[in-house]
């Protein structure tokens, strides 16, 4: 599970064997959520509101990089990190 970023203490990861549509997981302590890259919809889980806002703001300006990381992860290539 490559960690592609840490945003306001929230670890952003993608799994190589994950299902479509393209999405990422946001992990913080016992909290987990899944966010689709297109539309930035939360499709499962929970993050505290202030942390979720930070993650969504970060992701909004990085959708191209997130899609590239998704493609790389699914192809078993290094996803790299996203600032």
N, C-alpha and C. Protein backbone atom coordinates (compact mmCIF):
# COMPACT_ATOMS: atom_id res chain seq x y z
N UNK A 1 0.84 -1.17 0.00
CA UNK A 1 0.00 0.00 0.00
C UNK A 1 0.89 1.23 0.00
N UNK A 2 1.14 1.78 -1.16
CA UNK A 2 2.00 2.96 -1.23
C UNK A 2 1.36 4.19 -0.59
N UNK A 3 2.11 4.84 0.26
CA UNK A 3 1.68 6.14 0.79
C UNK A 3 2.10 7.18 -0.22
N UNK A 4 1.14 7.91 -0.75
CA UNK A 4 1.47 8.90 -1.77
C UNK A 4 1.57 10.31 -1.21
N UNK A 5 1.03 10.52 -0.01
CA UNK A 5 1.11 11.85 0.61
C UNK A 5 0.69 11.75 2.07
N UNK A 6 1.06 12.78 2.80
CA UNK A 6 0.53 12.99 4.14
C UNK A 6 0.01 14.41 4.16
N UNK A 7 -1.28 14.54 4.42
CA UNK A 7 -1.97 15.83 4.37
C UNK A 7 -2.56 16.12 5.74
N UNK A 8 -2.05 17.14 6.41
CA UNK A 8 -2.55 17.52 7.73
C UNK A 8 -2.60 16.32 8.67
N UNK A 9 -1.58 15.47 8.57
CA UNK A 9 -1.49 14.30 9.44
C UNK A 9 -2.26 13.09 8.94
N UNK A 10 -2.96 13.22 7.83
CA UNK A 10 -3.75 12.13 7.25
C UNK A 10 -2.91 11.46 6.17
N UNK A 11 -2.77 10.15 6.27
CA UNK A 11 -1.98 9.40 5.28
C UNK A 11 -2.87 9.06 4.09
N UNK A 12 -2.40 9.40 2.88
CA UNK A 12 -3.12 9.14 1.64
C UNK A 12 -2.45 7.93 0.98
N UNK A 13 -3.23 6.87 0.74
CA UNK A 13 -2.67 5.64 0.18
C UNK A 13 -3.54 5.13 -0.96
N UNK A 14 -2.90 4.30 -1.80
CA UNK A 14 -3.60 3.56 -2.85
C UNK A 14 -3.12 2.11 -2.77
N UNK A 15 -4.02 1.20 -3.04
CA UNK A 15 -3.70 -0.22 -3.00
C UNK A 15 -3.58 -0.76 -4.42
N UNK A 16 -2.59 -1.59 -4.67
CA UNK A 16 -2.33 -2.11 -6.01
C UNK A 16 -3.44 -3.01 -6.53
N UNK A 17 -4.16 -3.68 -5.64
CA UNK A 17 -5.20 -4.63 -6.07
C UNK A 17 -6.60 -4.08 -5.88
N UNK A 18 -6.74 -2.76 -5.85
CA UNK A 18 -8.03 -2.14 -5.57
C UNK A 18 -8.91 -2.10 -6.82
N UNK A 19 -10.16 -1.84 -6.61
CA UNK A 19 -11.20 -1.85 -7.64
C UNK A 19 -11.41 -0.45 -8.23
N UNK A 20 -11.98 -0.42 -9.42
CA UNK A 20 -12.40 0.85 -10.02
C UNK A 20 -13.69 1.28 -9.33
N UNK A 21 -14.04 2.55 -9.39
CA UNK A 21 -13.38 3.66 -10.04
C UNK A 21 -12.14 4.12 -9.26
N UNK A 22 -11.35 4.95 -9.92
CA UNK A 22 -10.12 5.46 -9.31
C UNK A 22 -10.43 6.19 -8.01
N UNK A 23 -9.70 5.83 -6.96
CA UNK A 23 -9.95 6.42 -5.66
C UNK A 23 -8.69 6.31 -4.80
N UNK A 24 -8.73 6.96 -3.65
CA UNK A 24 -7.66 6.82 -2.68
C UNK A 24 -8.25 6.63 -1.30
N UNK A 25 -7.43 6.16 -0.40
CA UNK A 25 -7.82 5.95 0.98
C UNK A 25 -7.13 7.00 1.83
N UNK A 26 -7.86 7.55 2.78
CA UNK A 26 -7.31 8.52 3.71
C UNK A 26 -7.38 7.89 5.10
N UNK A 27 -6.22 7.79 5.76
CA UNK A 27 -6.11 7.08 7.04
C UNK A 27 -5.60 8.01 8.13
N UNK A 28 -6.30 7.99 9.24
CA UNK A 28 -5.90 8.80 10.40
C UNK A 28 -6.30 8.04 11.66
N UNK A 29 -5.30 7.53 12.38
CA UNK A 29 -5.55 6.75 13.59
C UNK A 29 -6.58 5.67 13.28
N UNK A 30 -7.71 5.66 14.00
CA UNK A 30 -8.73 4.63 13.77
C UNK A 30 -9.70 5.00 12.65
N UNK A 31 -9.54 6.17 12.05
CA UNK A 31 -10.45 6.65 11.01
C UNK A 31 -9.94 6.25 9.62
N UNK A 32 -10.87 5.85 8.78
CA UNK A 32 -10.57 5.46 7.40
C UNK A 32 -11.67 5.99 6.51
N UNK A 33 -11.31 6.50 5.35
CA UNK A 33 -12.32 6.89 4.37
C UNK A 33 -11.80 6.62 2.98
N UNK A 34 -12.72 6.46 2.05
CA UNK A 34 -12.40 6.23 0.64
C UNK A 34 -12.99 7.39 -0.14
N UNK A 35 -12.15 7.99 -1.02
CA UNK A 35 -12.57 9.17 -1.79
C UNK A 35 -12.29 8.91 -3.26
N UNK A 36 -13.32 9.05 -4.10
CA UNK A 36 -13.15 8.93 -5.54
C UNK A 36 -12.36 10.14 -6.04
N UNK A 37 -11.49 9.90 -7.01
CA UNK A 37 -10.69 11.00 -7.54
C UNK A 37 -11.56 11.94 -8.37
N UNK A 38 -12.39 11.38 -9.26
CA UNK A 38 -13.30 12.22 -10.05
C UNK A 38 -14.46 12.65 -9.16
N UNK A 39 -14.62 13.93 -8.98
CA UNK A 39 -15.72 14.45 -8.17
C UNK A 39 -15.42 14.53 -6.69
N UNK A 40 -14.37 13.88 -6.24
CA UNK A 40 -13.96 13.89 -4.83
C UNK A 40 -15.09 13.52 -3.89
N UNK A 41 -15.87 12.52 -4.29
CA UNK A 41 -16.97 12.04 -3.46
C UNK A 41 -16.44 11.06 -2.42
N UNK A 42 -16.91 11.22 -1.20
CA UNK A 42 -16.59 10.25 -0.14
C UNK A 42 -17.53 9.06 -0.35
N UNK A 43 -16.95 7.88 -0.58
CA UNK A 43 -17.77 6.72 -0.88
C UNK A 43 -17.80 5.71 0.27
N UNK A 44 -17.09 6.01 1.32
CA UNK A 44 -17.13 5.12 2.47
C UNK A 44 -16.24 5.62 3.58
N UNK A 45 -16.56 5.21 4.78
CA UNK A 45 -15.73 5.53 5.92
C UNK A 45 -16.01 6.91 6.51
N UNK A 46 -15.09 7.33 7.35
CA UNK A 46 -15.26 8.58 8.09
C UNK A 46 -13.91 9.19 8.41
N UNK A 47 -13.83 10.51 8.28
CA UNK A 47 -12.73 11.31 8.81
C UNK A 47 -13.36 12.49 9.54
N UNK A 48 -12.73 12.98 10.60
CA UNK A 48 -13.23 14.19 11.23
C UNK A 48 -13.35 15.31 10.18
N UNK A 49 -14.37 16.14 10.30
CA UNK A 49 -14.68 17.14 9.28
C UNK A 49 -13.49 18.03 8.93
N UNK A 50 -12.76 18.52 9.91
CA UNK A 50 -11.66 19.44 9.61
C UNK A 50 -10.54 18.73 8.85
N UNK A 51 -10.31 17.46 9.13
CA UNK A 51 -9.30 16.69 8.40
C UNK A 51 -9.80 16.38 6.98
N UNK A 52 -11.07 16.03 6.85
CA UNK A 52 -11.64 15.76 5.54
C UNK A 52 -11.56 17.00 4.66
N UNK A 53 -11.87 18.16 5.20
CA UNK A 53 -11.76 19.41 4.43
C UNK A 53 -10.35 19.61 3.91
N UNK A 54 -9.36 19.37 4.76
CA UNK A 54 -7.96 19.52 4.34
C UNK A 54 -7.62 18.57 3.21
N UNK A 55 -8.04 17.32 3.32
CA UNK A 55 -7.75 16.31 2.30
C UNK A 55 -8.43 16.68 0.98
N UNK A 56 -9.69 17.07 1.03
CA UNK A 56 -10.42 17.42 -0.18
C UNK A 56 -9.83 18.64 -0.86
N UNK A 57 -9.42 19.63 -0.08
CA UNK A 57 -8.79 20.82 -0.64
C UNK A 57 -7.48 20.44 -1.33
N UNK A 58 -6.69 19.61 -0.69
CA UNK A 58 -5.42 19.14 -1.26
C UNK A 58 -5.68 18.39 -2.56
N UNK A 59 -6.64 17.48 -2.55
CA UNK A 59 -6.91 16.62 -3.71
C UNK A 59 -7.49 17.41 -4.88
N UNK A 60 -8.24 18.44 -4.62
CA UNK A 60 -8.90 19.21 -5.68
C UNK A 60 -7.90 19.77 -6.68
N UNK A 61 -6.74 20.18 -6.20
CA UNK A 61 -5.74 20.77 -7.10
C UNK A 61 -4.72 19.75 -7.60
N UNK A 62 -4.95 18.47 -7.30
CA UNK A 62 -3.98 17.44 -7.66
C UNK A 62 -4.63 16.24 -8.36
N UNK A 63 -5.76 16.44 -8.98
CA UNK A 63 -6.48 15.32 -9.57
C UNK A 63 -5.67 14.63 -10.68
N UNK A 64 -4.97 15.40 -11.50
CA UNK A 64 -4.15 14.77 -12.55
C UNK A 64 -3.07 13.88 -11.94
N UNK A 65 -2.41 14.38 -10.91
CA UNK A 65 -1.36 13.61 -10.24
C UNK A 65 -1.95 12.38 -9.55
N UNK A 66 -3.14 12.51 -8.99
CA UNK A 66 -3.80 11.37 -8.35
C UNK A 66 -4.16 10.30 -9.39
N UNK A 67 -4.65 10.73 -10.55
CA UNK A 67 -4.95 9.77 -11.61
C UNK A 67 -3.68 9.06 -12.07
N UNK A 68 -2.59 9.79 -12.20
CA UNK A 68 -1.32 9.17 -12.61
C UNK A 68 -0.86 8.16 -11.56
N UNK A 69 -0.99 8.51 -10.29
CA UNK A 69 -0.61 7.59 -9.22
C UNK A 69 -1.50 6.35 -9.25
N UNK A 70 -2.80 6.53 -9.51
CA UNK A 70 -3.72 5.40 -9.62
C UNK A 70 -3.28 4.46 -10.74
N UNK A 71 -3.01 5.01 -11.92
CA UNK A 71 -2.59 4.18 -13.04
C UNK A 71 -1.30 3.43 -12.73
N UNK A 72 -0.34 4.13 -12.13
CA UNK A 72 0.93 3.48 -11.77
C UNK A 72 0.72 2.38 -10.74
N UNK A 73 -0.05 2.66 -9.73
CA UNK A 73 -0.30 1.66 -8.69
C UNK A 73 -0.99 0.43 -9.27
N UNK A 74 -1.99 0.63 -10.12
CA UNK A 74 -2.71 -0.50 -10.72
C UNK A 74 -1.81 -1.31 -11.64
N UNK A 75 -0.81 -0.66 -12.23
CA UNK A 75 0.13 -1.35 -13.13
C UNK A 75 1.34 -1.90 -12.37
N UNK A 76 1.28 -1.85 -11.04
CA UNK A 76 2.35 -2.34 -10.17
C UNK A 76 3.66 -1.57 -10.36
N UNK A 77 3.53 -0.31 -10.75
CA UNK A 77 4.70 0.57 -10.85
C UNK A 77 4.70 1.48 -9.64
N UNK A 78 5.85 2.03 -9.28
CA UNK A 78 5.89 2.97 -8.15
C UNK A 78 4.98 4.17 -8.41
N UNK A 79 4.20 4.52 -7.42
CA UNK A 79 3.25 5.63 -7.57
C UNK A 79 3.91 6.97 -7.31
N UNK A 80 5.03 6.95 -6.60
CA UNK A 80 5.67 8.21 -6.23
C UNK A 80 4.90 8.92 -5.14
N UNK A 81 5.32 10.12 -4.84
CA UNK A 81 4.63 10.92 -3.85
C UNK A 81 4.07 12.17 -4.52
N UNK A 82 3.06 12.73 -3.90
CA UNK A 82 2.43 13.95 -4.40
C UNK A 82 2.54 14.99 -3.31
N UNK A 83 3.13 16.10 -3.63
CA UNK A 83 3.29 17.20 -2.65
C UNK A 83 2.00 17.94 -2.47
